[in-house]
């Protein structure tokens, strides 16, 4: 399976679901992605800042 980067829309959805209390395993199932891929994306400081700005939190 080829690696795909997490898109901006997926990243926004990850943060929404995390805010709503979903764990990474459930989010991975919903996005059809492995949870470690999502954790790496969500833990990036630049990605976090950009996502929070775009969500207007």
N, C-alpha and C. Protein backbone atom coordinates (compact mmCIF):
# COMPACT_ATOMS: atom_id res chain seq x y z
N UNK A 1 0.84 -1.18 0.00
CA UNK A 1 0.00 0.00 0.00
C UNK A 1 0.88 1.24 0.00
N UNK A 2 0.58 2.16 -0.88
CA UNK A 2 1.36 3.39 -0.99
C UNK A 2 1.01 4.36 0.13
N UNK A 3 2.02 5.09 0.57
CA UNK A 3 1.81 6.07 1.63
C UNK A 3 1.15 7.32 1.06
N UNK A 4 0.14 7.82 1.76
CA UNK A 4 -0.52 9.08 1.40
C UNK A 4 -0.38 10.02 2.57
N UNK A 5 -0.03 11.25 2.30
CA UNK A 5 0.03 12.25 3.36
C UNK A 5 -1.37 12.53 3.87
N UNK A 6 -1.45 12.94 5.12
CA UNK A 6 -2.74 13.31 5.69
C UNK A 6 -3.11 14.68 5.13
N UNK A 7 -4.29 14.76 4.53
CA UNK A 7 -4.71 16.01 3.91
C UNK A 7 -5.12 17.03 4.96
N UNK A 8 -5.24 18.27 4.54
CA UNK A 8 -5.65 19.33 5.45
C UNK A 8 -7.06 19.05 5.99
N UNK A 9 -7.95 18.58 5.13
CA UNK A 9 -9.31 18.25 5.57
C UNK A 9 -9.30 17.11 6.59
N UNK A 10 -8.48 16.09 6.34
CA UNK A 10 -8.38 14.98 7.30
C UNK A 10 -7.83 15.49 8.62
N UNK A 11 -6.83 16.36 8.56
CA UNK A 11 -6.23 16.91 9.78
C UNK A 11 -7.26 17.69 10.59
N UNK A 12 -8.08 18.47 9.91
CA UNK A 12 -9.15 19.22 10.60
C UNK A 12 -10.13 18.25 11.27
N UNK A 13 -10.49 17.20 10.54
CA UNK A 13 -11.43 16.23 11.10
C UNK A 13 -10.83 15.52 12.31
N UNK A 14 -9.54 15.21 12.25
CA UNK A 14 -8.87 14.56 13.38
C UNK A 14 -8.99 15.44 14.62
N UNK A 15 -8.70 16.74 14.47
CA UNK A 15 -8.78 17.63 15.62
C UNK A 15 -10.20 17.79 16.13
N UNK A 16 -11.18 17.81 15.24
CA UNK A 16 -12.58 17.90 15.68
C UNK A 16 -12.96 16.67 16.50
N UNK A 17 -12.60 15.49 15.97
CA UNK A 17 -12.94 14.25 16.67
C UNK A 17 -12.18 14.12 17.98
N UNK A 18 -10.90 14.52 18.00
CA UNK A 18 -10.14 14.49 19.26
C UNK A 18 -10.81 15.40 20.29
N UNK A 19 -11.24 16.58 19.84
CA UNK A 19 -11.93 17.51 20.73
C UNK A 19 -13.23 16.90 21.26
N UNK A 20 -13.88 16.07 20.45
CA UNK A 20 -15.13 15.42 20.84
C UNK A 20 -14.90 14.15 21.66
N UNK A 21 -13.63 13.79 21.89
CA UNK A 21 -13.32 12.67 22.77
C UNK A 21 -13.03 11.34 22.09
N UNK A 22 -12.95 11.32 20.77
CA UNK A 22 -12.60 10.08 20.07
C UNK A 22 -11.12 9.76 20.30
N UNK A 23 -10.80 8.46 20.38
CA UNK A 23 -9.38 8.08 20.46
C UNK A 23 -8.84 7.85 19.05
N UNK A 24 -7.51 7.77 18.93
CA UNK A 24 -6.88 7.64 17.62
C UNK A 24 -7.26 6.35 16.92
N UNK A 25 -7.51 5.29 17.66
CA UNK A 25 -7.92 4.03 17.03
C UNK A 25 -9.25 4.22 16.30
N UNK A 26 -10.21 4.86 16.96
CA UNK A 26 -11.53 5.09 16.35
C UNK A 26 -11.42 6.04 15.16
N UNK A 27 -10.63 7.11 15.32
CA UNK A 27 -10.45 8.07 14.23
C UNK A 27 -9.80 7.37 13.02
N UNK A 28 -8.82 6.52 13.29
CA UNK A 28 -8.18 5.76 12.21
C UNK A 28 -9.18 4.88 11.47
N UNK A 29 -10.09 4.25 12.21
CA UNK A 29 -11.12 3.43 11.57
C UNK A 29 -12.03 4.30 10.70
N UNK A 30 -12.41 5.47 11.22
CA UNK A 30 -13.31 6.34 10.48
C UNK A 30 -12.67 6.88 9.20
N UNK A 31 -11.36 7.15 9.25
CA UNK A 31 -10.65 7.70 8.09
C UNK A 31 -9.99 6.62 7.24
N UNK A 32 -10.09 5.37 7.68
CA UNK A 32 -9.43 4.25 7.00
C UNK A 32 -7.92 4.49 6.91
N UNK A 33 -7.34 4.89 8.04
CA UNK A 33 -5.90 5.14 8.16
C UNK A 33 -5.40 4.45 9.42
N UNK A 34 -4.12 4.11 9.44
CA UNK A 34 -3.53 3.54 10.65
C UNK A 34 -3.35 4.64 11.68
N UNK A 35 -3.61 4.30 12.94
CA UNK A 35 -3.55 5.32 13.99
C UNK A 35 -2.17 5.95 14.14
N UNK A 36 -1.11 5.21 13.86
CA UNK A 36 0.23 5.78 14.00
C UNK A 36 0.47 6.89 12.97
N UNK A 37 -0.11 6.73 11.77
CA UNK A 37 -0.01 7.78 10.75
C UNK A 37 -0.68 9.05 11.25
N UNK A 38 -1.85 8.89 11.87
CA UNK A 38 -2.60 10.04 12.37
C UNK A 38 -1.90 10.68 13.56
N UNK A 39 -1.31 9.85 14.42
CA UNK A 39 -0.60 10.38 15.59
C UNK A 39 0.60 11.20 15.16
N UNK A 40 1.33 10.74 14.17
CA UNK A 40 2.48 11.49 13.67
C UNK A 40 2.05 12.82 13.09
N UNK A 41 0.97 12.81 12.36
CA UNK A 41 0.46 14.04 11.76
C UNK A 41 -0.03 15.01 12.83
N UNK A 42 -0.76 14.49 13.80
CA UNK A 42 -1.34 15.33 14.84
C UNK A 42 -0.29 15.87 15.80
N UNK A 43 0.84 15.17 15.93
CA UNK A 43 1.84 15.60 16.89
C UNK A 43 2.83 16.61 16.32
N UNK A 44 2.77 16.85 15.02
CA UNK A 44 3.67 17.82 14.40
C UNK A 44 3.29 19.23 14.85
N UNK A 45 4.23 19.98 15.45
CA UNK A 45 3.90 21.33 15.95
C UNK A 45 3.41 22.27 14.85
N UNK A 46 3.99 22.19 13.68
CA UNK A 46 3.56 23.06 12.58
C UNK A 46 2.16 22.68 12.13
N UNK A 47 1.91 21.40 11.98
CA UNK A 47 0.58 20.94 11.57
C UNK A 47 -0.46 21.33 12.60
N UNK A 48 -0.12 21.21 13.87
CA UNK A 48 -1.05 21.58 14.94
C UNK A 48 -1.40 23.05 14.86
N UNK A 49 -0.40 23.90 14.73
CA UNK A 49 -0.64 25.34 14.67
C UNK A 49 -1.48 25.71 13.46
N UNK A 50 -1.15 25.16 12.31
CA UNK A 50 -1.90 25.47 11.09
C UNK A 50 -3.34 25.00 11.19
N UNK A 51 -3.53 23.83 11.77
CA UNK A 51 -4.88 23.31 11.89
C UNK A 51 -5.70 24.15 12.85
N UNK A 52 -5.14 24.50 13.97
CA UNK A 52 -5.87 25.31 14.95
C UNK A 52 -6.23 26.68 14.37
N UNK A 53 -5.33 27.25 13.60
CA UNK A 53 -5.62 28.55 12.96
C UNK A 53 -6.76 28.39 11.97
N UNK A 54 -6.71 27.34 11.16
CA UNK A 54 -7.74 27.16 10.14
C UNK A 54 -9.09 26.79 10.74
N UNK A 55 -9.10 26.20 11.94
CA UNK A 55 -10.35 25.86 12.61
C UNK A 55 -10.93 27.04 13.37
N UNK A 56 -10.14 28.07 13.50
CA UNK A 56 -10.54 29.27 14.27
C UNK A 56 -10.90 28.92 15.71
N UNK A 57 -10.06 28.13 16.33
CA UNK A 57 -10.29 27.74 17.73
C UNK A 57 -9.89 28.85 18.69
